[in-house]
Amino acid sequence: MDRYFFISGDLDDMDSVEKELENAGVTTAQIHVLSKDDEGVACRDLHEVNAFMKTDVVRSGLRGAILGVVAAISVLLFAHYSSATENIGWLPFVFLSIVLLGFCTWEGGFFGFQVPNAQFKQFEEVLAQGWHVFFVDVNERQLPVLQGVTDRHRGLKPAGIGSSSPHWVIGWQNNFQKFVHWAP
């Protein structure tokens, strides 16, 4: 799957594009709108980017986890080669490794909450100018549908291609939406 970005100044046009894509089989979980005008997005019932996606928490958390793994391995290697385990055992070192892994992951995620998503940094200037970013995650089978719909809407300007959410995440979101509509 790839993520196709578009820029537009017209939320009403984005609303009609979203409806056309949904009618053509693209699910709501694949469509997102990034805008500084949260009220305008909400009143048109557009699928806005959630606060979690606007931050870089996942990417930073993974970086923190990698650092945590390195720190944990370092502690365990120190314990092994220093012969400290003969006197006090492995338990304190294993516990310290687990704590370091958890702390580094948590701290990385905490840092990520304070930083905008790396994929959206390229749009900070156009968002500040009042434009809106519309992006869709599509597979090769859905690409002709996306191209057909976006070609009919001249207000949408192509703004690039990026990596999309994993297909299993989109599948989970689709199943969750089905459950929400089914549940009382």
N, C-alpha and C. Protein backbone atom coordinates (compact mmCIF):
# COMPACT_ATOMS: atom_id res chain seq x y z
N MET A 1 0.84 -1.18 0.00
CA MET A 1 0.00 0.00 0.00
C MET A 1 0.88 1.24 0.00
N ASP A 2 0.39 2.26 -0.66
CA ASP A 2 1.06 3.54 -0.68
C ASP A 2 0.09 4.61 -0.20
N ARG A 3 0.66 5.70 0.30
CA ARG A 3 -0.14 6.83 0.78
C ARG A 3 0.02 7.97 -0.23
N TYR A 4 -1.11 8.43 -0.77
CA TYR A 4 -1.11 9.51 -1.75
C TYR A 4 -1.62 10.78 -1.08
N PHE A 5 -0.81 11.84 -1.16
CA PHE A 5 -1.12 13.11 -0.52
C PHE A 5 -1.64 14.10 -1.56
N PHE A 6 -2.63 14.88 -1.14
CA PHE A 6 -3.18 15.95 -1.97
C PHE A 6 -3.37 17.19 -1.10
N ILE A 7 -3.30 18.37 -1.73
CA ILE A 7 -3.51 19.63 -1.02
C ILE A 7 -4.70 20.33 -1.66
N SER A 8 -5.53 20.92 -0.82
CA SER A 8 -6.69 21.67 -1.30
C SER A 8 -7.04 22.76 -0.31
N GLY A 9 -7.69 23.78 -0.80
CA GLY A 9 -8.16 24.85 0.08
C GLY A 9 -9.65 24.75 0.35
N ASP A 10 -10.29 23.72 -0.20
CA ASP A 10 -11.75 23.61 -0.12
C ASP A 10 -12.15 22.33 0.62
N LEU A 11 -12.63 22.48 1.84
CA LEU A 11 -13.06 21.32 2.63
C LEU A 11 -14.31 20.67 2.05
N ASP A 12 -15.19 21.46 1.42
CA ASP A 12 -16.39 20.89 0.81
C ASP A 12 -16.01 19.95 -0.34
N ASP A 13 -15.01 20.34 -1.12
CA ASP A 13 -14.54 19.48 -2.20
C ASP A 13 -13.94 18.19 -1.63
N MET A 14 -13.20 18.32 -0.53
CA MET A 14 -12.63 17.13 0.11
C MET A 14 -13.73 16.20 0.62
N ASP A 15 -14.81 16.79 1.10
CA ASP A 15 -15.94 16.00 1.58
C ASP A 15 -16.53 15.18 0.43
N SER A 16 -16.70 15.81 -0.72
CA SER A 16 -17.27 15.07 -1.85
C SER A 16 -16.28 14.01 -2.37
N VAL A 17 -14.99 14.31 -2.34
CA VAL A 17 -13.99 13.31 -2.74
C VAL A 17 -14.03 12.11 -1.80
N GLU A 18 -14.12 12.38 -0.50
CA GLU A 18 -14.18 11.30 0.48
C GLU A 18 -15.41 10.42 0.24
N LYS A 19 -16.55 11.03 0.00
CA LYS A 19 -17.78 10.25 -0.25
C LYS A 19 -17.67 9.43 -1.53
N GLU A 20 -17.10 10.02 -2.59
CA GLU A 20 -16.93 9.28 -3.84
C GLU A 20 -16.00 8.08 -3.66
N LEU A 21 -14.92 8.29 -2.92
CA LEU A 21 -13.99 7.18 -2.68
C LEU A 21 -14.65 6.08 -1.86
N GLU A 22 -15.41 6.46 -0.84
CA GLU A 22 -16.09 5.46 -0.02
C GLU A 22 -17.12 4.70 -0.84
N ASN A 23 -17.84 5.39 -1.73
CA ASN A 23 -18.82 4.72 -2.59
C ASN A 23 -18.15 3.78 -3.58
N ALA A 24 -16.88 4.05 -3.90
CA ALA A 24 -16.14 3.21 -4.84
C ALA A 24 -15.40 2.07 -4.15
N GLY A 25 -15.53 1.95 -2.82
CA GLY A 25 -14.94 0.82 -2.12
C GLY A 25 -13.73 1.11 -1.27
N VAL A 26 -13.27 2.35 -1.24
CA VAL A 26 -12.16 2.71 -0.36
C VAL A 26 -12.76 2.96 1.02
N THR A 27 -12.22 2.32 2.04
CA THR A 27 -12.82 2.43 3.37
C THR A 27 -12.42 3.73 4.06
N THR A 28 -13.20 4.10 5.05
CA THR A 28 -12.95 5.33 5.81
C THR A 28 -11.59 5.28 6.49
N ALA A 29 -11.16 4.11 6.92
CA ALA A 29 -9.87 3.98 7.60
C ALA A 29 -8.70 4.30 6.69
N GLN A 30 -8.92 4.30 5.38
CA GLN A 30 -7.86 4.59 4.42
C GLN A 30 -7.78 6.08 4.07
N ILE A 31 -8.76 6.86 4.50
CA ILE A 31 -8.87 8.27 4.10
C ILE A 31 -8.67 9.16 5.31
N HIS A 32 -7.86 10.21 5.16
CA HIS A 32 -7.60 11.12 6.27
C HIS A 32 -7.50 12.55 5.76
N VAL A 33 -7.87 13.49 6.63
CA VAL A 33 -7.72 14.92 6.34
C VAL A 33 -6.92 15.54 7.47
N LEU A 34 -5.86 16.25 7.11
CA LEU A 34 -5.02 16.96 8.07
C LEU A 34 -5.24 18.45 7.84
N SER A 35 -5.69 19.15 8.88
CA SER A 35 -6.01 20.56 8.74
C SER A 35 -5.86 21.27 10.07
N LYS A 36 -5.60 22.56 10.00
CA LYS A 36 -5.60 23.39 11.22
C LYS A 36 -7.03 23.78 11.59
N ASP A 37 -7.96 23.65 10.64
CA ASP A 37 -9.36 24.00 10.85
C ASP A 37 -10.12 22.77 11.36
N ASP A 38 -9.91 22.43 12.62
CA ASP A 38 -10.55 21.23 13.19
C ASP A 38 -12.07 21.34 13.18
N GLU A 39 -12.58 22.53 13.42
CA GLU A 39 -14.04 22.71 13.44
C GLU A 39 -14.64 22.49 12.06
N GLY A 40 -13.98 23.01 11.02
CA GLY A 40 -14.47 22.83 9.66
C GLY A 40 -14.44 21.37 9.23
N VAL A 41 -13.42 20.65 9.66
CA VAL A 41 -13.32 19.23 9.33
C VAL A 41 -14.42 18.45 10.06
N ALA A 42 -14.64 18.78 11.32
CA ALA A 42 -15.63 18.06 12.12
C ALA A 42 -17.05 18.31 11.63
N CYS A 43 -17.37 19.53 11.25
CA CYS A 43 -18.76 19.82 10.84
C CYS A 43 -19.08 19.20 9.48
N ARG A 44 -18.08 18.87 8.69
CA ARG A 44 -18.32 18.21 7.41
C ARG A 44 -18.22 16.68 7.53
N ASP A 45 -17.96 16.20 8.72
CA ASP A 45 -17.86 14.77 9.00
C ASP A 45 -16.76 14.10 8.17
N LEU A 46 -15.66 14.83 7.98
CA LEU A 46 -14.49 14.26 7.31
C LEU A 46 -13.71 13.40 8.30
N HIS A 47 -13.00 12.42 7.80
CA HIS A 47 -12.20 11.55 8.66
C HIS A 47 -10.87 12.24 8.95
N GLU A 48 -10.82 12.94 10.06
CA GLU A 48 -9.63 13.73 10.37
C GLU A 48 -8.54 12.87 10.99
N VAL A 49 -7.32 13.34 10.85
CA VAL A 49 -6.18 12.67 11.45
C VAL A 49 -6.31 12.79 12.96
N ASN A 50 -6.25 11.65 13.66
CA ASN A 50 -6.40 11.71 15.12
C ASN A 50 -5.13 12.27 15.76
N ALA A 51 -5.26 12.68 16.99
CA ALA A 51 -4.15 13.33 17.70
C ALA A 51 -2.94 12.40 17.81
N PHE A 52 -3.18 11.11 17.93
CA PHE A 52 -2.09 10.14 18.03
C PHE A 52 -1.26 10.12 16.76
N MET A 53 -1.93 10.18 15.60
CA MET A 53 -1.23 10.16 14.32
C MET A 53 -0.50 11.46 14.04
N LYS A 54 -0.94 12.55 14.64
CA LYS A 54 -0.29 13.85 14.40
C LYS A 54 1.07 13.93 15.07
N THR A 55 1.32 13.06 16.04
CA THR A 55 2.60 13.08 16.75
C THR A 55 3.51 11.97 16.22
N ASP A 56 4.75 12.01 16.63
CA ASP A 56 5.73 11.02 16.19
C ASP A 56 5.99 9.98 17.28
N VAL A 57 4.95 9.65 18.05
CA VAL A 57 5.12 8.79 19.22
C VAL A 57 5.58 7.37 18.84
N VAL A 58 5.06 6.82 17.78
CA VAL A 58 5.41 5.45 17.41
C VAL A 58 6.87 5.38 16.96
N ARG A 59 7.24 6.26 16.06
CA ARG A 59 8.62 6.27 15.56
C ARG A 59 9.62 6.53 16.68
N SER A 60 9.33 7.51 17.52
CA SER A 60 10.23 7.83 18.63
C SER A 60 10.25 6.71 19.67
N GLY A 61 9.10 6.08 19.90
CA GLY A 61 9.04 4.95 20.82
C GLY A 61 9.87 3.78 20.34
N LEU A 62 9.85 3.52 19.04
CA LEU A 62 10.68 2.45 18.49
C LEU A 62 12.16 2.77 18.62
N ARG A 63 12.51 4.03 18.39
CA ARG A 63 13.91 4.43 18.57
C ARG A 63 14.32 4.25 20.03
N GLY A 64 13.44 4.63 20.94
CA GLY A 64 13.72 4.44 22.36
C GLY A 64 13.87 2.98 22.72
N ALA A 65 13.03 2.13 22.11
CA ALA A 65 13.11 0.69 22.37
C ALA A 65 14.43 0.12 21.87
N ILE A 66 14.88 0.58 20.72
CA ILE A 66 16.18 0.12 20.21
C ILE A 66 17.30 0.53 21.16
N LEU A 67 17.25 1.76 21.62
CA LEU A 67 18.24 2.23 22.59
C LEU A 67 18.14 1.41 23.88
N GLY A 68 16.91 1.08 24.29
CA GLY A 68 16.71 0.26 25.49
C GLY A 68 17.28 -1.13 25.35
N VAL A 69 17.14 -1.73 24.17
CA VAL A 69 17.71 -3.06 23.92
C VAL A 69 19.23 -3.00 24.01
N VAL A 70 19.81 -1.95 23.43
CA VAL A 70 21.27 -1.79 23.50
C VAL A 70 21.72 -1.63 24.96
N ALA A 71 20.99 -0.81 25.72
CA ALA A 71 21.34 -0.60 27.13
C ALA A 71 21.18 -1.90 27.93
N ALA A 72 20.10 -2.64 27.67
CA ALA A 72 19.87 -3.90 28.39
C ALA A 72 20.96 -4.92 28.08
N ILE A 73 21.32 -5.03 26.82
CA ILE A 73 22.39 -5.96 26.44
C ILE A 73 23.71 -5.54 27.08
N SER A 74 23.95 -4.23 27.12
CA SER A 74 25.19 -3.74 27.75
C SER A 74 25.26 -4.13 29.22
N VAL A 75 24.15 -3.99 29.93
CA VAL A 75 24.11 -4.37 31.35
C VAL A 75 24.37 -5.86 31.51
N LEU A 76 23.73 -6.66 30.67
CA LEU A 76 23.91 -8.11 30.77
C LEU A 76 25.33 -8.53 30.40
N LEU A 77 25.91 -7.87 29.41
CA LEU A 77 27.30 -8.18 29.06
C LEU A 77 28.25 -7.77 30.18
N PHE A 78 27.99 -6.61 30.79
CA PHE A 78 28.81 -6.18 31.92
C PHE A 78 28.73 -7.21 33.05
N ALA A 79 27.51 -7.67 33.33
CA ALA A 79 27.33 -8.65 34.40
C ALA A 79 28.08 -9.94 34.09
N HIS A 80 28.01 -10.36 32.86
CA HIS A 80 28.67 -11.61 32.47
C HIS A 80 30.19 -11.52 32.56
N TYR A 81 30.75 -10.46 32.00
CA TYR A 81 32.21 -10.35 31.92
C TYR A 81 32.86 -9.80 33.19
N SER A 82 32.11 -9.19 34.08
CA SER A 82 32.71 -8.66 35.30
C SER A 82 32.70 -9.68 36.44
N SER A 83 32.07 -10.77 36.23
CA SER A 83 31.93 -11.82 37.25
C SER A 83 31.16 -11.35 38.48
N ALA A 84 30.41 -10.29 38.33
CA ALA A 84 29.61 -9.79 39.45
C ALA A 84 28.48 -10.74 39.78
N THR A 85 28.10 -11.57 38.83
CA THR A 85 26.99 -12.50 39.08
C THR A 85 27.37 -13.59 40.07
N GLU A 86 28.65 -13.82 40.26
CA GLU A 86 29.08 -14.83 41.23
C GLU A 86 28.75 -14.41 42.65
N ASN A 87 28.80 -13.12 42.91
CA ASN A 87 28.54 -12.62 44.26
C ASN A 87 27.07 -12.31 44.52
N ILE A 88 26.43 -11.66 43.54
CA ILE A 88 25.05 -11.20 43.80
C ILE A 88 24.01 -11.86 42.90
N GLY A 89 24.41 -12.67 41.96
CA GLY A 89 23.47 -13.38 41.10
C GLY A 89 23.04 -12.54 39.90
N TRP A 90 22.22 -13.17 39.06
CA TRP A 90 21.76 -12.53 37.82
C TRP A 90 20.54 -11.65 38.02
N LEU A 91 19.78 -11.89 39.06
CA LEU A 91 18.49 -11.21 39.22
C LEU A 91 18.58 -9.68 39.17
N PRO A 92 19.49 -9.03 39.87
CA PRO A 92 19.54 -7.56 39.80
C PRO A 92 19.86 -7.05 38.39
N PHE A 93 20.70 -7.77 37.68
CA PHE A 93 21.09 -7.34 36.33
C PHE A 93 19.96 -7.54 35.33
N VAL A 94 19.26 -8.65 35.46
CA VAL A 94 18.10 -8.89 34.59
C VAL A 94 17.03 -7.85 34.88
N PHE A 95 16.78 -7.58 36.16
CA PHE A 95 15.78 -6.58 36.53
C PHE A 95 16.18 -5.20 36.00
N LEU A 96 17.45 -4.82 36.15
CA LEU A 96 17.93 -3.53 35.64
C LEU A 96 17.78 -3.46 34.13
N SER A 97 18.05 -4.55 33.43
CA SER A 97 17.89 -4.59 31.97
C SER A 97 16.45 -4.35 31.57
N ILE A 98 15.53 -4.99 32.27
CA ILE A 98 14.10 -4.81 31.97
C ILE A 98 13.68 -3.37 32.24
N VAL A 99 14.13 -2.81 33.35
CA VAL A 99 13.79 -1.42 33.69
C VAL A 99 14.35 -0.47 32.64
N LEU A 100 15.60 -0.68 32.22
CA LEU A 100 16.20 0.19 31.21
C LEU A 100 15.46 0.11 29.88
N LEU A 101 15.09 -1.10 29.48
CA LEU A 101 14.33 -1.27 28.24
C LEU A 101 13.00 -0.52 28.33
N GLY A 102 12.28 -0.71 29.41
CA GLY A 102 10.99 -0.03 29.58
C GLY A 102 11.14 1.48 29.65
N PHE A 103 12.12 1.95 30.40
CA PHE A 103 12.32 3.39 30.55
C PHE A 103 12.69 4.05 29.23
N CYS A 104 13.60 3.45 28.49
CA CYS A 104 14.02 4.03 27.21
C CYS A 104 12.86 4.07 26.21
N THR A 105 12.06 3.00 26.18
CA THR A 105 10.89 2.98 25.30
C THR A 105 9.89 4.05 25.71
N TRP A 106 9.61 4.16 26.99
CA TRP A 106 8.68 5.16 27.50
C TRP A 106 9.18 6.57 27.21
N GLU A 107 10.45 6.81 27.46
CA GLU A 107 11.01 8.15 27.24
C GLU A 107 11.00 8.51 25.75
N GLY A 108 11.29 7.53 24.90
CA GLY A 108 11.22 7.78 23.46
C GLY A 108 9.82 8.14 23.03
N GLY A 109 8.82 7.40 23.52
CA GLY A 109 7.43 7.72 23.20
C GLY A 109 7.02 9.06 23.76
N PHE A 110 7.48 9.37 24.95
CA PHE A 110 7.16 10.66 25.57
C PHE A 110 7.73 11.81 24.73
N PHE A 111 8.95 11.63 24.25
CA PHE A 111 9.54 12.64 23.37
C PHE A 111 8.72 12.75 22.08
N GLY A 112 8.25 11.62 21.56
CA GLY A 112 7.48 11.62 20.32
C GLY A 112 6.16 12.36 20.42
N PHE A 113 5.57 12.41 21.61
CA PHE A 113 4.33 13.16 21.79
C PHE A 113 4.54 14.66 21.58
N GLN A 114 5.76 15.12 21.74
CA GLN A 114 6.07 16.54 21.64
C GLN A 114 6.50 16.96 20.24
N VAL A 115 6.65 16.00 19.34
CA VAL A 115 7.18 16.27 18.01
C VAL A 115 6.12 15.92 16.97
N PRO A 116 5.93 16.77 15.95
CA PRO A 116 4.98 16.42 14.89
C PRO A 116 5.44 15.19 14.11
N ASN A 117 4.49 14.47 13.56
CA ASN A 117 4.77 13.28 12.77
C ASN A 117 5.74 13.63 11.64
N ALA A 118 6.74 12.81 11.45
CA ALA A 118 7.77 13.07 10.44
C ALA A 118 7.18 13.14 9.04
N GLN A 119 6.12 12.35 8.77
CA GLN A 119 5.49 12.38 7.45
C GLN A 119 4.77 13.69 7.18
N PHE A 120 4.36 14.39 8.23
CA PHE A 120 3.57 15.60 8.05
C PHE A 120 4.40 16.87 8.14
N LYS A 121 5.68 16.77 8.46
CA LYS A 121 6.52 17.97 8.57
C LYS A 121 6.59 18.73 7.26
N GLN A 122 6.55 18.00 6.15
CA GLN A 122 6.63 18.65 4.84
C GLN A 122 5.42 19.54 4.56
N PHE A 123 4.35 19.36 5.31
CA PHE A 123 3.13 20.13 5.07
C PHE A 123 2.91 21.26 6.07
N GLU A 124 3.84 21.49 6.98
CA GLU A 124 3.65 22.52 8.01
C GLU A 124 3.41 23.90 7.40
N GLU A 125 4.15 24.23 6.35
CA GLU A 125 4.02 25.55 5.73
C GLU A 125 2.67 25.73 5.05
N VAL A 126 2.23 24.73 4.29
CA VAL A 126 0.94 24.86 3.60
C VAL A 126 -0.22 24.85 4.59
N LEU A 127 -0.09 24.10 5.67
CA LEU A 127 -1.12 24.11 6.71
C LEU A 127 -1.19 25.48 7.38
N ALA A 128 -0.05 26.10 7.60
CA ALA A 128 -0.02 27.43 8.22
C ALA A 128 -0.65 28.48 7.30
N GLN A 129 -0.63 28.23 5.99
CA GLN A 129 -1.23 29.15 5.03
C GLN A 129 -2.73 28.92 4.87
N GLY A 130 -3.29 27.96 5.59
CA GLY A 130 -4.73 27.72 5.54
C GLY A 130 -5.16 26.61 4.60
N TRP A 131 -4.23 25.91 3.99
CA TRP A 131 -4.56 24.80 3.11
C TRP A 131 -4.84 23.56 3.95
N HIS A 132 -5.38 22.54 3.32
CA HIS A 132 -5.71 21.28 3.98
C HIS A 132 -5.03 20.15 3.22
N VAL A 133 -4.62 19.13 3.95
CA VAL A 133 -3.96 17.97 3.34
C VAL A 133 -4.91 16.79 3.39
N PHE A 134 -5.13 16.18 2.24
CA PHE A 134 -6.00 15.02 2.09
C PHE A 134 -5.10 13.87 1.68
N PHE A 135 -5.14 12.76 2.41
CA PHE A 135 -4.32 11.62 1.99
C PHE A 135 -5.09 10.33 2.11
N VAL A 136 -4.74 9.42 1.19
CA VAL A 136 -5.45 8.16 1.05
C VAL A 136 -4.43 7.02 0.95
N ASP A 137 -4.66 5.96 1.71
CA ASP A 137 -3.84 4.75 1.64
C ASP A 137 -4.54 3.78 0.70
N VAL A 138 -3.91 3.48 -0.43
CA VAL A 138 -4.53 2.57 -1.40
C VAL A 138 -3.54 1.51 -1.85
N ASN A 139 -4.09 0.35 -2.24
CA ASN A 139 -3.27 -0.70 -2.83
C ASN A 139 -3.32 -0.55 -4.35
N GLU A 140 -2.61 -1.40 -5.05
CA GLU A 140 -2.54 -1.29 -6.52
C GLU A 140 -3.91 -1.44 -7.16
N ARG A 141 -4.76 -2.28 -6.58
CA ARG A 141 -6.09 -2.52 -7.13
C ARG A 141 -6.98 -1.28 -7.01
N GLN A 142 -6.78 -0.49 -5.95
CA GLN A 142 -7.61 0.69 -5.72
C GLN A 142 -7.06 1.95 -6.36
N LEU A 143 -5.84 1.90 -6.87
CA LEU A 143 -5.21 3.09 -7.45
C LEU A 143 -5.99 3.69 -8.62
N PRO A 144 -6.52 2.89 -9.56
CA PRO A 144 -7.32 3.49 -10.64
C PRO A 144 -8.56 4.22 -10.11
N VAL A 145 -9.16 3.71 -9.04
CA VAL A 145 -10.32 4.38 -8.43
C VAL A 145 -9.90 5.74 -7.90
N LEU A 146 -8.78 5.78 -7.18
CA LEU A 146 -8.29 7.05 -6.64
C LEU A 146 -7.98 8.04 -7.75
N GLN A 147 -7.30 7.58 -8.79
CA GLN A 147 -6.95 8.47 -9.90
C GLN A 147 -8.19 8.99 -10.61
N GLY A 148 -9.19 8.13 -10.78
CA GLY A 148 -10.43 8.57 -11.43
C GLY A 148 -11.16 9.63 -10.64
N VAL A 149 -11.24 9.44 -9.33
CA VAL A 149 -11.94 10.41 -8.48
C VAL A 149 -11.17 11.72 -8.40
N THR A 150 -9.87 11.64 -8.19
CA THR A 150 -9.09 12.88 -8.03
C THR A 150 -8.97 13.65 -9.34
N ASP A 151 -9.03 12.96 -10.47
CA ASP A 151 -8.99 13.67 -11.76
C ASP A 151 -10.23 14.52 -11.97
N ARG A 152 -11.35 14.13 -11.39
CA ARG A 152 -12.59 14.90 -11.53
C ARG A 152 -12.63 16.12 -10.62
N HIS A 153 -11.72 16.20 -9.69
CA HIS A 153 -11.69 17.32 -8.73
C HIS A 153 -10.41 18.12 -8.94
N ARG A 154 -10.53 19.18 -9.71
CA ARG A 154 -9.36 20.00 -10.08
C ARG A 154 -8.80 20.78 -8.89
N GLY A 155 -9.57 20.91 -7.81
CA GLY A 155 -9.09 21.65 -6.65
C GLY A 155 -8.05 20.88 -5.84
N LEU A 156 -7.96 19.58 -6.07
CA LEU A 156 -6.96 18.75 -5.38
C LEU A 156 -5.65 18.79 -6.15
N LYS A 157 -4.60 19.18 -5.47
CA LYS A 157 -3.28 19.21 -6.11
C LYS A 157 -2.44 18.07 -5.53
N PRO A 158 -1.88 17.21 -6.38
CA PRO A 158 -1.03 16.13 -5.87
C PRO A 158 0.15 16.71 -5.08
N ALA A 159 0.45 16.07 -3.94
CA ALA A 159 1.50 16.58 -3.06
C ALA A 159 2.52 15.52 -2.68
N GLY A 160 2.46 14.37 -3.33
CA GLY A 160 3.48 13.37 -3.06
C GLY A 160 2.93 12.01 -2.69
N ILE A 161 3.85 11.08 -2.55
CA ILE A 161 3.53 9.69 -2.20
C ILE A 161 4.42 9.30 -1.03
N GLY A 162 3.85 8.59 -0.08
CA GLY A 162 4.62 8.13 1.08
C GLY A 162 4.23 6.72 1.45
N SER A 163 4.78 6.25 2.54
CA SER A 163 4.45 4.91 3.01
C SER A 163 3.16 4.98 3.83
N SER A 164 2.33 3.98 3.67
CA SER A 164 1.03 3.98 4.33
C SER A 164 1.08 3.21 5.64
N SER A 165 -0.04 3.21 6.31
CA SER A 165 -0.20 2.37 7.49
C SER A 165 -0.16 0.91 7.02
N PRO A 166 0.33 0.00 7.85
CA PRO A 166 0.31 -1.41 7.45
C PRO A 166 -1.12 -1.89 7.18
N HIS A 167 -1.25 -2.82 6.25
CA HIS A 167 -2.59 -3.29 5.87
C HIS A 167 -3.33 -3.89 7.05
N TRP A 168 -2.62 -4.51 8.01
CA TRP A 168 -3.29 -5.11 9.15
C TRP A 168 -3.86 -4.04 10.07
N VAL A 169 -3.24 -2.87 10.14
CA VAL A 169 -3.79 -1.77 10.95
C VAL A 169 -5.09 -1.27 10.33
N ILE A 170 -5.08 -1.10 9.02
CA ILE A 170 -6.29 -0.65 8.33
C ILE A 170 -7.39 -1.70 8.46
N GLY A 171 -7.03 -2.99 8.34
CA GLY A 171 -8.01 -4.05 8.53
C GLY A 171 -8.60 -4.04 9.92
N TRP A 172 -7.76 -3.82 10.93
CA TRP A 172 -8.25 -3.74 12.30
C TRP A 172 -9.19 -2.56 12.46
N GLN A 173 -8.85 -1.40 11.88
CA GLN A 173 -9.72 -0.23 11.98
C GLN A 173 -11.06 -0.48 11.29
N ASN A 174 -11.03 -1.17 10.14
CA ASN A 174 -12.28 -1.50 9.45
C ASN A 174 -13.15 -2.42 10.29
N ASN A 175 -12.54 -3.45 10.89
CA ASN A 175 -13.30 -4.36 11.75
C ASN A 175 -13.85 -3.65 12.98
N PHE A 176 -13.07 -2.74 13.54
CA PHE A 176 -13.54 -1.96 14.69
C PHE A 176 -14.74 -1.10 14.30
N GLN A 177 -14.69 -0.46 13.13
CA GLN A 177 -15.82 0.36 12.67
C GLN A 177 -17.07 -0.50 12.47
N LYS A 178 -16.90 -1.70 11.92
CA LYS A 178 -18.04 -2.61 11.75
C LYS A 178 -18.64 -2.96 13.11
N PHE A 179 -17.77 -3.23 14.09
CA PHE A 179 -18.24 -3.55 15.43
C PHE A 179 -18.98 -2.38 16.05
N VAL A 180 -18.46 -1.17 15.89
CA VAL A 180 -19.09 0.02 16.45
C VAL A 180 -20.49 0.22 15.86
N HIS A 181 -20.63 -0.01 14.56
CA HIS A 181 -21.95 0.13 13.93
C HIS A 181 -22.89 -0.99 14.33
N TRP A 182 -22.33 -2.17 14.62
CA TRP A 182 -23.16 -3.31 15.01
C TRP A 182 -23.58 -3.22 16.47
N ALA A 183 -22.65 -2.81 17.33
CA ALA A 183 -22.91 -2.80 18.78
C ALA A 183 -23.93 -1.72 19.14
N PRO A 184 -24.71 -1.98 20.17
CA PRO A 184 -25.72 -0.99 20.57
C PRO A 184 -25.15 0.24 21.20
